[in-house]
Amino acid sequence: MRILKYAIPMVFIVCAMATPSYGKWVWNKETGWMDTPSTAATTLEQRYKYALSLLVEQKYINAVKEFESIIDADPRSEYAEVSQINIGWAYFLNGDYKRALKAYEKALQKYPGTKRTTEILEREYQLGIAQMDTNEEAAISVFEKIIEKHHLGPLSPEAQVKIADCYFKLEQYEESLDAYEKFLENYPKNEWVPYVQYQIPLTKVYHEKQQERNYGLLISAREGFEEYLVSNPNGVHVEDAKRLIEEIRIIEAEREFNIGEFYLRRKTPSAAAMYFEYVKSDFPGTIWAERANERLEFLRMIEAIK
């Protein structure tokens, strides 16, 4: 409370000091000095409701200050704990994700074992999701904290998936693969398994593009898509998996055909024919199978092979 020297009668000062007051006095040119709504709220419950009303009115910074004043007034009250959580929520709504996370973490530290742990972690999870489009590294840090605090909790499997997704968006495909595979290792029966079974070979496809024809990764990716189709015949990614398998098969067929061409240029038709036969039999329906058949017919015509 601000005391105005010389301007306020002493009797008024005494009365004011005897009356419970938690807010601040503000100057109004029409009414003079007057109390704010929070000053009129004399119980923690009233002050808490007032702070919530500030959230509704989108006055987030003012709400933070009110919640902080509630905590300062009685750090052990039930309103102190929920106020600390709502400080994080206010910062979140205000777009200040760094302070929001700090507030949530403070709630977990100040109230260890609280029955609201799951609620706090859920809000941290929302915070991580919100940052995935703008700051993937910050989002990864949030998801890692969730897993660290409750490894077997309901949010941890999804948090692990989101870590992998963030690395995928950052085009850090090795880290993404490690994170997806860690998910399968730790949560083999989770509902996210089909999604991860598709994402692993897809990540290998993108990783191969970075390395320029790493055929080992491509073959592994094709095998992964095939396993996905077996495990999830009605999965949401079935058509995409089939398309990618066909694209990889064409790349494989081209590679084997070019090896045959190499041996043909080296004047070793028998070795070339071996590769052309492989392309013809293992990649039917592709343009490379057709070309391989043409090469074989030519080699037979000139009696280079039988």
C-alpha atoms as a PDB file:
ATOM      1  CA  MET A   1       0.000   0.000   0.000  1.00  0.00           C
ATOM      2  CA  ARG A   2       1.309   3.404  -0.887  1.00  0.00           C
ATOM      3  CA  ILE A   3       1.069   5.961   1.996  1.00  0.00           C
ATOM      4  CA  LEU A   4       0.690   9.573   0.950  1.00  0.00           C
ATOM      5  CA  LYS A   5       2.600  11.748   3.364  1.00  0.00           C
ATOM      6  CA  TYR A   6       0.956  14.936   4.540  1.00  0.00           C
ATOM      7  CA  ALA A   7      -1.957  14.574   2.105  1.00  0.00           C
ATOM      8  CA  ILE A   8      -4.006  11.915   3.955  1.00  0.00           C
ATOM      9  CA  PRO A   9      -5.430  12.431   7.459  1.00  0.00           C
ATOM     10  CA  MET A  10      -3.793  10.347  10.166  1.00  0.00           C
ATOM     11  CA  VAL A  11      -7.099   8.734  11.122  1.00  0.00           C
ATOM     12  CA  PHE A  12      -7.465   7.398   7.605  1.00  0.00           C
ATOM     13  CA  ILE A  13      -3.944   5.954   7.722  1.00  0.00           C
ATOM     14  CA  VAL A  14      -4.677   4.041  10.916  1.00  0.00           C
ATOM     15  CA  CYS A  15      -7.911   2.662   9.539  1.00  0.00           C
ATOM     16  CA  ALA A  16      -6.213   1.614   6.334  1.00  0.00           C
ATOM     17  CA  MET A  17      -3.456  -0.218   8.202  1.00  0.00           C
ATOM     18  CA  ALA A  18      -6.036  -2.157  10.200  1.00  0.00           C
ATOM     19  CA  THR A  19      -7.854  -3.347   7.093  1.00  0.00           C
ATOM     20  CA  PRO A  20      -6.463  -6.416   5.215  1.00  0.00           C
ATOM     21  CA  SER A  21      -5.248  -5.300   1.813  1.00  0.00           C
ATOM     22  CA  TYR A  22      -3.186  -7.163  -0.796  1.00  0.00           C
ATOM     23  CA  GLY A  23      -3.388  -5.110  -3.943  1.00  0.00           C
ATOM     24  CA  LYS A  24      -2.099  -1.720  -5.017  1.00  0.00           C
ATOM     25  CA  TRP A  25      -3.599   1.744  -4.955  1.00  0.00           C
ATOM     26  CA  VAL A  26      -4.000   3.483  -8.300  1.00  0.00           C
ATOM     27  CA  TRP A  27      -4.715   7.117  -9.164  1.00  0.00           C
ATOM     28  CA  ASN A  28      -7.912   8.023 -10.972  1.00  0.00           C
ATOM     29  CA  LYS A  29      -8.326  11.656 -11.980  1.00  0.00           C
ATOM     30  CA  GLU A  30     -12.067  11.517 -11.271  1.00  0.00           C
ATOM     31  CA  THR A  31     -12.115   9.627  -7.967  1.00  0.00           C
ATOM     32  CA  GLY A  32      -8.598  10.194  -6.622  1.00  0.00           C
ATOM     33  CA  TRP A  33      -6.687   7.322  -5.023  1.00  0.00           C
ATOM     34  CA  MET A  34      -8.630   4.032  -5.147  1.00  0.00           C
ATOM     35  CA  ASP A  35      -7.973   0.340  -4.698  1.00  0.00           C
ATOM     36  CA  THR A  36      -7.706  -2.126  -7.588  1.00  0.00           C
ATOM     37  CA  PRO A  37      -9.992  -5.181  -7.819  1.00  0.00           C
ATOM     38  CA  SER A  38      -7.226  -7.315  -6.300  1.00  0.00           C
ATOM     39  CA  THR A  39      -7.116  -4.998  -3.288  1.00  0.00           C
ATOM     40  CA  ALA A  40     -10.789  -5.606  -2.610  1.00  0.00           C
ATOM     41  CA  ALA A  41     -10.176  -9.393  -2.709  1.00  0.00           C
ATOM     42  CA  THR A  42      -9.087 -10.194   0.818  1.00  0.00           C
ATOM     43  CA  THR A  43      -8.992 -14.018   0.762  1.00  0.00           C
ATOM     44  CA  LEU A  44      -6.659 -16.227  -1.238  1.00  0.00           C
ATOM     45  CA  GLU A  45      -9.647 -17.728  -2.997  1.00  0.00           C
ATOM     46  CA  GLN A  46     -10.886 -14.306  -4.080  1.00  0.00           C
ATOM     47  CA  ARG A  47      -7.451 -13.263  -5.218  1.00  0.00           C
ATOM     48  CA  TYR A  48      -7.012 -16.512  -7.116  1.00  0.00           C
ATOM     49  CA  LYS A  49     -10.327 -16.025  -8.918  1.00  0.00           C
ATOM     50  CA  TYR A  50      -9.272 -12.484  -9.777  1.00  0.00           C
ATOM     51  CA  ALA A  51      -5.985 -13.768 -11.226  1.00  0.00           C
ATOM     52  CA  LEU A  52      -7.920 -16.275 -13.328  1.00  0.00           C
ATOM     53  CA  SER A  53     -10.136 -13.478 -14.595  1.00  0.00           C
ATOM     54  CA  LEU A  54      -7.011 -11.686 -15.810  1.00  0.00           C
ATOM     55  CA  LEU A  55      -6.119 -14.773 -17.827  1.00  0.00           C
ATOM     56  CA  VAL A  56      -9.559 -14.754 -19.411  1.00  0.00           C
ATOM     57  CA  GLU A  57      -9.106 -11.074 -20.243  1.00  0.00           C
ATOM     58  CA  GLN A  58      -5.730 -11.952 -21.835  1.00  0.00           C
ATOM     59  CA  LYS A  59      -3.865  -9.726 -19.385  1.00  0.00           C
ATOM     60  CA  TYR A  60      -1.184 -12.337 -19.001  1.00  0.00           C
ATOM     61  CA  ILE A  61       1.611 -10.338 -17.364  1.00  0.00           C
ATOM     62  CA  ASN A  62      -0.797  -8.890 -14.813  1.00  0.00           C
ATOM     63  CA  ALA A  63      -2.047 -12.398 -14.132  1.00  0.00           C
ATOM     64  CA  VAL A  64       1.515 -13.591 -13.497  1.00  0.00           C
ATOM     65  CA  LYS A  65       2.007 -10.830 -10.944  1.00  0.00           C
ATOM     66  CA  GLU A  66      -1.229 -11.733  -9.162  1.00  0.00           C
ATOM     67  CA  PHE A  67      -0.340 -15.421  -9.033  1.00  0.00           C
ATOM     68  CA  GLU A  68       3.103 -14.536  -7.683  1.00  0.00           C
ATOM     69  CA  SER A  69       1.548 -12.373  -4.959  1.00  0.00           C
ATOM     70  CA  ILE A  70      -0.658 -15.314  -3.919  1.00  0.00           C
ATOM     71  CA  ILE A  71       2.403 -17.544  -3.618  1.00  0.00           C
ATOM     72  CA  ASP A  72       4.239 -14.903  -1.584  1.00  0.00           C
ATOM     73  CA  ALA A  73       1.256 -14.496   0.759  1.00  0.00           C
ATOM     74  CA  ASP A  74       1.065 -18.204   1.668  1.00  0.00           C
ATOM     75  CA  PRO A  75       3.596 -20.503  -0.069  1.00  0.00           C
ATOM     76  CA  ARG A  76       2.070 -23.595   1.544  1.00  0.00           C
ATOM     77  CA  SER A  77      -1.537 -23.060   0.544  1.00  0.00           C
ATOM     78  CA  GLU A  78      -3.282 -25.049  -2.142  1.00  0.00           C
ATOM     79  CA  TYR A  79      -3.620 -21.818  -4.112  1.00  0.00           C
ATOM     80  CA  ALA A  80       0.142 -21.378  -4.158  1.00  0.00           C
ATOM     81  CA  GLU A  81       0.677 -24.629  -6.057  1.00  0.00           C
ATOM     82  CA  VAL A  82      -1.980 -24.014  -8.700  1.00  0.00           C
ATOM     83  CA  SER A  83      -0.811 -20.412  -8.980  1.00  0.00           C
ATOM     84  CA  GLN A  84       2.712 -21.597  -9.836  1.00  0.00           C
ATOM     85  CA  ILE A  85       1.260 -23.850 -12.538  1.00  0.00           C
ATOM     86  CA  ASN A  86      -0.866 -21.039 -13.913  1.00  0.00           C
ATOM     87  CA  ILE A  87       2.147 -18.749 -14.075  1.00  0.00           C
ATOM     88  CA  GLY A  88       3.488 -21.194 -16.638  1.00  0.00           C
ATOM     89  CA  TRP A  89       0.146 -21.217 -18.429  1.00  0.00           C
ATOM     90  CA  ALA A  90       0.039 -17.416 -18.550  1.00  0.00           C
ATOM     91  CA  TYR A  91       3.517 -17.262 -20.067  1.00  0.00           C
ATOM     92  CA  PHE A  92       2.534 -19.978 -22.534  1.00  0.00           C
ATOM     93  CA  LEU A  93      -0.533 -18.037 -23.669  1.00  0.00           C
ATOM     94  CA  ASN A  94       1.648 -14.948 -23.976  1.00  0.00           C
ATOM     95  CA  GLY A  95       4.032 -16.814 -26.289  1.00  0.00           C
ATOM     96  CA  ASP A  96       6.937 -16.761 -23.822  1.00  0.00           C
ATOM     97  CA  TYR A  97       7.749 -20.452 -23.973  1.00  0.00           C
ATOM     98  CA  LYS A  98      11.083 -20.210 -22.200  1.00  0.00           C
ATOM     99  CA  ARG A  99       9.552 -18.638 -19.085  1.00  0.00           C
ATOM    100  CA  ALA A 100       6.599 -21.019 -19.292  1.00  0.00           C
ATOM    101  CA  LEU A 101       8.886 -24.053 -19.110  1.00  0.00           C
ATOM    102  CA  LYS A 102      10.823 -22.492 -16.273  1.00  0.00           C
ATOM    103  CA  ALA A 103       7.592 -21.944 -14.331  1.00  0.00           C
ATOM    104  CA  TYR A 104       6.443 -25.530 -14.856  1.00  0.00           C
ATOM    105  CA  GLU A 105       9.821 -26.885 -13.825  1.00  0.00           C
ATOM    106  CA  LYS A 106       9.701 -24.705 -10.720  1.00  0.00           C
ATOM    107  CA  ALA A 107       6.304 -26.185  -9.844  1.00  0.00           C
ATOM    108  CA  LEU A 108       7.727 -29.710 -10.038  1.00  0.00           C
ATOM    109  CA  GLN A 109      10.723 -28.712  -7.904  1.00  0.00           C
ATOM    110  CA  LYS A 110       8.743 -26.839  -5.247  1.00  0.00           C
ATOM    111  CA  TYR A 111       6.037 -29.482  -4.950  1.00  0.00           C
ATOM    112  CA  PRO A 112       7.716 -32.881  -5.499  1.00  0.00           C
ATOM    113  CA  GLY A 113       5.284 -35.771  -5.616  1.00  0.00           C
ATOM    114  CA  THR A 114       2.344 -33.456  -6.206  1.00  0.00           C
ATOM    115  CA  LYS A 115      -0.886 -35.019  -7.399  1.00  0.00           C
ATOM    116  CA  ARG A 116      -0.758 -32.485 -10.227  1.00  0.00           C
ATOM    117  CA  THR A 117       2.441 -33.930 -11.725  1.00  0.00           C
ATOM    118  CA  THR A 118       0.579 -35.408 -14.705  1.00  0.00           C
ATOM    119  CA  GLU A 119      -1.175 -32.096 -15.319  1.00  0.00           C
ATOM    120  CA  ILE A 120       2.132 -30.213 -15.289  1.00  0.00           C
ATOM    121  CA  LEU A 121       3.745 -32.703 -17.664  1.00  0.00           C
ATOM    122  CA  GLU A 122       0.749 -32.426 -19.991  1.00  0.00           C
ATOM    123  CA  ARG A 123       1.231 -28.672 -20.098  1.00  0.00           C
ATOM    124  CA  GLU A 124       4.929 -29.127 -20.785  1.00  0.00           C
ATOM    125  CA  TYR A 125       3.987 -31.492 -23.600  1.00  0.00           C
ATOM    126  CA  GLN A 126       1.712 -28.812 -25.090  1.00  0.00           C
ATOM    127  CA  LEU A 127       4.636 -26.430 -24.796  1.00  0.00           C
ATOM    128  CA  GLY A 128       6.850 -28.816 -26.760  1.00  0.00           C
ATOM    129  CA  ILE A 129       4.223 -29.275 -29.468  1.00  0.00           C
ATOM    130  CA  ALA A 130       3.855 -25.506 -29.810  1.00  0.00           C
ATOM    131  CA  GLN A 131       7.586 -25.140 -30.464  1.00  0.00           C
ATOM    132  CA  MET A 132       7.935 -27.905 -33.056  1.00  0.00           C
ATOM    133  CA  ASP A 133       7.235 -25.540 -35.953  1.00  0.00           C
ATOM    134  CA  THR A 134       9.528 -22.741 -34.808  1.00  0.00           C
ATOM    135  CA  ASN A 135      12.237 -24.150 -32.536  1.00  0.00           C
ATOM    136  CA  GLU A 136      12.690 -27.895 -32.874  1.00  0.00           C
ATOM    137  CA  GLU A 137      15.732 -28.008 -30.598  1.00  0.00           C
ATOM    138  CA  ALA A 138      13.826 -26.323 -27.779  1.00  0.00           C
ATOM    139  CA  ALA A 139      10.962 -28.760 -28.333  1.00  0.00           C
ATOM    140  CA  ILE A 140      13.364 -31.709 -28.081  1.00  0.00           C
ATOM    141  CA  SER A 141      14.606 -30.373 -24.748  1.00  0.00           C
ATOM    142  CA  VAL A 142      11.032 -30.196 -23.431  1.00  0.00           C
ATOM    143  CA  PHE A 143      10.181 -33.725 -24.534  1.00  0.00           C
ATOM    144  CA  GLU A 144      13.392 -35.067 -23.014  1.00  0.00           C
ATOM    145  CA  LYS A 145      12.482 -33.492 -19.662  1.00  0.00           C
ATOM    146  CA  ILE A 146       9.094 -35.215 -19.749  1.00  0.00           C
ATOM    147  CA  ILE A 147      10.682 -38.617 -20.344  1.00  0.00           C
ATOM    148  CA  GLU A 148      13.341 -37.996 -17.717  1.00  0.00           C
ATOM    149  CA  LYS A 149      10.739 -37.202 -15.062  1.00  0.00           C
ATOM    150  CA  HIS A 150       8.284 -40.007 -15.830  1.00  0.00           C
ATOM    151  CA  HIS A 151       9.851 -42.620 -18.105  1.00  0.00           C
ATOM    152  CA  LEU A 152       6.856 -44.946 -17.923  1.00  0.00           C
ATOM    153  CA  GLY A 153       4.239 -42.192 -17.817  1.00  0.00           C
ATOM    154  CA  PRO A 154       1.450 -41.894 -20.397  1.00  0.00           C
ATOM    155  CA  LEU A 155       3.134 -38.992 -22.182  1.00  0.00           C
ATOM    156  CA  SER A 156       6.605 -40.506 -22.511  1.00  0.00           C
ATOM    157  CA  PRO A 157       5.939 -42.667 -25.606  1.00  0.00           C
ATOM    158  CA  GLU A 158       4.523 -39.709 -27.526  1.00  0.00           C
ATOM    159  CA  ALA A 159       7.335 -37.490 -26.286  1.00  0.00           C
ATOM    160  CA  GLN A 160       9.877 -39.999 -27.645  1.00  0.00           C
ATOM    161  CA  VAL A 161       8.113 -40.017 -31.023  1.00  0.00           C
ATOM    162  CA  LYS A 162       8.092 -36.225 -31.117  1.00  0.00           C
ATOM    163  CA  ILE A 163      11.818 -36.142 -30.394  1.00  0.00           C
ATOM    164  CA  ALA A 164      12.367 -38.318 -33.458  1.00  0.00           C
ATOM    165  CA  ASP A 165       9.981 -36.165 -35.512  1.00  0.00           C
ATOM    166  CA  CYS A 166      11.882 -33.022 -34.514  1.00  0.00           C
ATOM    167  CA  TYR A 167      15.191 -34.509 -35.624  1.00  0.00           C
ATOM    168  CA  PHE A 168      13.518 -35.547 -38.886  1.00  0.00           C
ATOM    169  CA  LYS A 169      12.362 -31.959 -39.472  1.00  0.00           C
ATOM    170  CA  LEU A 170      15.886 -30.740 -38.714  1.00  0.00           C
ATOM    171  CA  GLU A 171      17.147 -33.218 -41.371  1.00  0.00           C
ATOM    172  CA  GLN A 172      19.307 -34.883 -38.719  1.00  0.00           C
ATOM    173  CA  TYR A 173      18.350 -38.317 -39.948  1.00  0.00           C
ATOM    174  CA  GLU A 174      20.818 -40.415 -37.970  1.00  0.00           C
ATOM    175  CA  GLU A 175      19.546 -38.878 -34.720  1.00  0.00           C
ATOM    176  CA  SER A 176      15.987 -39.333 -35.936  1.00  0.00           C
ATOM    177  CA  LEU A 177      16.568 -43.040 -36.633  1.00  0.00           C
ATOM    178  CA  ASP A 178      18.133 -43.526 -33.204  1.00  0.00           C
ATOM    179  CA  ALA A 179      15.143 -41.854 -31.558  1.00  0.00           C
ATOM    180  CA  TYR A 180      12.571 -43.914 -33.492  1.00  0.00           C
ATOM    181  CA  GLU A 181      14.420 -47.147 -32.743  1.00  0.00           C
ATOM    182  CA  LYS A 182      14.664 -46.170 -29.072  1.00  0.00           C
ATOM    183  CA  PHE A 183      10.900 -45.805 -29.066  1.00  0.00           C
ATOM    184  CA  LEU A 184      10.419 -49.352 -30.415  1.00  0.00           C
ATOM    185  CA  GLU A 185      12.858 -50.651 -27.827  1.00  0.00           C
ATOM    186  CA  ASN A 186      11.176 -48.938 -24.877  1.00  0.00           C
ATOM    187  CA  TYR A 187       7.524 -48.994 -25.931  1.00  0.00           C
ATOM    188  CA  PRO A 188       7.070 -52.046 -28.215  1.00  0.00           C
ATOM    189  CA  LYS A 189       3.301 -52.341 -27.589  1.00  0.00           C
ATOM    190  CA  ASN A 190       2.367 -48.679 -27.800  1.00  0.00           C
ATOM    191  CA  GLU A 191      -0.269 -47.404 -30.232  1.00  0.00           C
ATOM    192  CA  TRP A 192       2.398 -45.316 -32.007  1.00  0.00           C
ATOM    193  CA  VAL A 193       4.264 -48.441 -33.180  1.00  0.00           C
ATOM    194  CA  PRO A 194       2.713 -48.561 -36.704  1.00  0.00           C
ATOM    195  CA  TYR A 195       3.602 -44.915 -37.293  1.00  0.00           C
ATOM    196  CA  VAL A 196       7.195 -45.501 -36.195  1.00  0.00           C
ATOM    197  CA  GLN A 197       7.447 -48.661 -38.302  1.00  0.00           C
ATOM    198  CA  TYR A 198       6.682 -46.490 -41.314  1.00  0.00           C
ATOM    199  CA  GLN A 199       8.836 -43.552 -40.271  1.00  0.00           C
ATOM    200  CA  ILE A 200      12.011 -45.597 -39.840  1.00  0.00           C
ATOM    201  CA  PRO A 201      12.293 -46.671 -43.521  1.00  0.00           C
ATOM    202  CA  LEU A 202      11.071 -43.250 -44.647  1.00  0.00           C
ATOM    203  CA  THR A 203      13.879 -41.641 -42.656  1.00  0.00           C
ATOM    204  CA  LYS A 204      16.356 -43.991 -44.309  1.00  0.00           C
ATOM    205  CA  VAL A 205      15.128 -42.854 -47.734  1.00  0.00           C
ATOM    206  CA  TYR A 206      15.756 -39.213 -46.840  1.00  0.00           C
ATOM    207  CA  HIS A 207      19.085 -40.076 -45.241  1.00  0.00           C
ATOM    208  CA  GLU A 208      20.152 -41.862 -48.429  1.00  0.00           C
ATOM    209  CA  LYS A 209      19.418 -38.721 -50.442  1.00  0.00           C
ATOM    210  CA  GLN A 210      21.892 -36.839 -48.284  1.00  0.00           C
ATOM    211  CA  GLN A 211      24.581 -39.434 -48.992  1.00  0.00           C
ATOM    212  CA  GLU A 212      24.005 -39.812 -52.739  1.00  0.00           C
ATOM    213  CA  ARG A 213      23.210 -43.412 -53.530  1.00  0.00           C
ATOM    214  CA  ASN A 214      23.850 -45.297 -50.313  1.00  0.00           C
ATOM    215  CA  TYR A 215      22.255 -48.451 -51.677  1.00  0.00           C
ATOM    216  CA  GLY A 216      22.544 -50.240 -48.364  1.00  0.00           C
ATOM    217  CA  LEU A 217      20.190 -47.702 -46.808  1.00  0.00           C
ATOM    218  CA  LEU A 218      17.799 -47.970 -49.743  1.00  0.00           C
ATOM    219  CA  ILE A 219      17.595 -51.732 -49.520  1.00  0.00           C
ATOM    220  CA  SER A 220      17.097 -51.512 -45.768  1.00  0.00           C
ATOM    221  CA  ALA A 221      14.354 -48.945 -46.345  1.00  0.00           C
ATOM    222  CA  ARG A 222      12.585 -51.185 -48.862  1.00  0.00           C
ATOM    223  CA  GLU A 223      12.714 -54.085 -46.440  1.00  0.00           C
ATOM    224  CA  GLY A 224      11.325 -51.815 -43.728  1.00  0.00           C
ATOM    225  CA  PHE A 225       8.388 -50.761 -45.884  1.00  0.00           C
ATOM    226  CA  GLU A 226       7.708 -54.399 -46.728  1.00  0.00           C
ATOM    227  CA  GLU A 227       7.685 -55.275 -43.024  1.00  0.00           C
ATOM    228  CA  TYR A 228       5.302 -52.382 -42.415  1.00  0.00           C
ATOM    229  CA  LEU A 229       2.885 -53.768 -45.023  1.00  0.00           C
ATOM    230  CA  VAL A 230       2.975 -57.212 -43.420  1.00  0.00           C
ATOM    231  CA  SER A 231       2.395 -55.840 -39.921  1.00  0.00           C
ATOM    232  CA  ASN A 232      -0.159 -53.212 -40.956  1.00  0.00           C
ATOM    233  CA  PRO A 233      -2.088 -54.433 -44.003  1.00  0.00           C
ATOM    234  CA  ASN A 234      -4.771 -51.810 -43.369  1.00  0.00           C
ATOM    235  CA  GLY A 235      -2.455 -49.092 -42.094  1.00  0.00           C
ATOM    236  CA  VAL A 236      -2.858 -45.437 -43.032  1.00  0.00           C
ATOM    237  CA  HIS A 237       0.494 -45.416 -44.843  1.00  0.00           C
ATOM    238  CA  VAL A 238      -0.038 -48.543 -46.936  1.00  0.00           C
ATOM    239  CA  GLU A 239      -0.343 -46.761 -50.284  1.00  0.00           C
ATOM    240  CA  ASP A 240       2.666 -44.544 -49.580  1.00  0.00           C
ATOM    241  CA  ALA A 241       4.699 -47.569 -48.544  1.00  0.00           C
ATOM    242  CA  LYS A 242       3.806 -49.402 -51.774  1.00  0.00           C
ATOM    243  CA  ARG A 243       4.738 -46.377 -53.863  1.00  0.00           C
ATOM    244  CA  LEU A 244       8.095 -45.965 -52.124  1.00  0.00           C
ATOM    245  CA  ILE A 245       8.855 -49.680 -52.470  1.00  0.00           C
ATOM    246  CA  GLU A 246       8.310 -49.395 -56.212  1.00  0.00           C
ATOM    247  CA  GLU A 247      10.500 -46.292 -56.443  1.00  0.00           C
ATOM    248  CA  ILE A 248      13.300 -48.063 -54.595  1.00  0.00           C
ATOM    249  CA  ARG A 249      12.943 -51.163 -56.770  1.00  0.00           C
ATOM    250  CA  ILE A 250      13.424 -49.015 -59.883  1.00  0.00           C
ATOM    251  CA  ILE A 251      16.577 -47.488 -58.392  1.00  0.00           C
ATOM    252  CA  GLU A 252      17.886 -50.954 -57.501  1.00  0.00           C
ATOM    253  CA  ALA A 253      17.089 -52.257 -60.978  1.00  0.00           C
ATOM    254  CA  GLU A 254      18.887 -49.318 -62.599  1.00  0.00           C
ATOM    255  CA  ARG A 255      21.953 -49.936 -60.452  1.00  0.00           C
ATOM    256  CA  GLU A 256      22.122 -53.649 -61.331  1.00  0.00           C
ATOM    257  CA  PHE A 257      21.542 -52.895 -65.010  1.00  0.00           C
ATOM    258  CA  ASN A 258      24.398 -50.370 -65.020  1.00  0.00           C
ATOM    259  CA  ILE A 259      26.712 -52.959 -63.490  1.00  0.00           C
ATOM    260  CA  GLY A 260      25.808 -55.255 -66.380  1.00  0.00           C
ATOM    261  CA  GLU A 261      26.568 -52.454 -68.815  1.00  0.00           C
ATOM    262  CA  PHE A 262      29.935 -51.982 -67.129  1.00  0.00           C
ATOM    263  CA  TYR A 263      30.884 -55.618 -67.724  1.00  0.00           C
ATOM    264  CA  LEU A 264      29.599 -55.402 -71.290  1.00  0.00           C
ATOM    265  CA  ARG A 265      31.968 -52.490 -71.939  1.00  0.00           C
ATOM    266  CA  ARG A 266      34.759 -54.563 -70.400  1.00  0.00           C
ATOM    267  CA  LYS A 267      33.992 -57.248 -73.033  1.00  0.00           C
ATOM    268  CA  THR A 268      32.919 -59.833 -70.458  1.00  0.00           C
ATOM    269  CA  PRO A 269      29.456 -60.719 -71.788  1.00  0.00           C
ATOM    270  CA  SER A 270      28.951 -63.688 -69.458  1.00  0.00           C
ATOM    271  CA  ALA A 271      29.309 -61.468 -66.385  1.00  0.00           C
ATOM    272  CA  ALA A 272      27.089 -58.822 -67.985  1.00  0.00           C
ATOM    273  CA  ALA A 273      24.450 -61.429 -68.787  1.00  0.00           C
ATOM    274  CA  MET A 274      24.388 -62.535 -65.149  1.00  0.00           C
ATOM    275  CA  TYR A 275      23.342 -59.033 -64.045  1.00  0.00           C
ATOM    276  CA  PHE A 276      20.876 -58.619 -66.895  1.00  0.00           C
ATOM    277  CA  GLU A 277      19.224 -61.914 -65.935  1.00  0.00           C
ATOM    278  CA  TYR A 278      19.002 -60.742 -62.330  1.00  0.00           C
ATOM    279  CA  VAL A 279      17.307 -57.485 -63.350  1.00  0.00           C
ATOM    280  CA  LYS A 280      14.910 -59.328 -65.643  1.00  0.00           C
ATOM    281  CA  SER A 281      13.848 -61.864 -63.001  1.00  0.00           C
ATOM    282  CA  ASP A 282      13.867 -59.746 -59.819  1.00  0.00           C
ATOM    283  CA  PHE A 283      12.478 -56.447 -61.142  1.00  0.00           C
ATOM    284  CA  PRO A 284       9.748 -57.428 -63.617  1.00  0.00           C
ATOM    285  CA  GLY A 285       7.551 -54.657 -64.912  1.00  0.00           C
ATOM    286  CA  THR A 286      10.279 -52.022 -64.722  1.00  0.00           C
ATOM    287  CA  ILE A 287      11.860 -50.271 -67.676  1.00  0.00           C
ATOM    288  CA  TRP A 288      15.192 -51.716 -66.613  1.00  0.00           C
ATOM    289  CA  ALA A 289      13.853 -55.252 -66.870  1.00  0.00           C
ATOM    290  CA  GLU A 290      12.792 -54.501 -70.449  1.00  0.00           C
ATOM    291  CA  ARG A 291      16.210 -53.099 -71.319  1.00  0.00           C
ATOM    292  CA  ALA A 292      17.937 -56.035 -69.666  1.00  0.00           C
ATOM    293  CA  ASN A 293      15.894 -58.424 -71.793  1.00  0.00           C
ATOM    294  CA  GLU A 294      16.878 -56.477 -74.905  1.00  0.00           C
ATOM    295  CA  ARG A 295      20.557 -56.808 -73.975  1.00  0.00           C
ATOM    296  CA  LEU A 296      20.210 -60.543 -73.421  1.00  0.00           C
ATOM    297  CA  GLU A 297      18.516 -61.038 -76.798  1.00  0.00           C
ATOM    298  CA  PHE A 298      21.293 -59.031 -78.462  1.00  0.00           C
ATOM    299  CA  LEU A 299      24.013 -61.101 -76.762  1.00  0.00           C
ATOM    300  CA  ARG A 300      22.321 -64.310 -77.853  1.00  0.00           C
ATOM    301  CA  MET A 301      21.913 -63.029 -81.379  1.00  0.00           C
ATOM    302  CA  ILE A 302      25.644 -62.369 -81.721  1.00  0.00           C
ATOM    303  CA  GLU A 303      26.287 -65.670 -79.945  1.00  0.00           C
ATOM    304  CA  ALA A 304      28.183 -63.973 -77.123  1.00  0.00           C
ATOM    305  CA  ILE A 305      26.139 -66.081 -74.675  1.00  0.00           C
ATOM    306  CA  LYS A 306      24.005 -69.171 -75.022  1.00  0.00           C
END
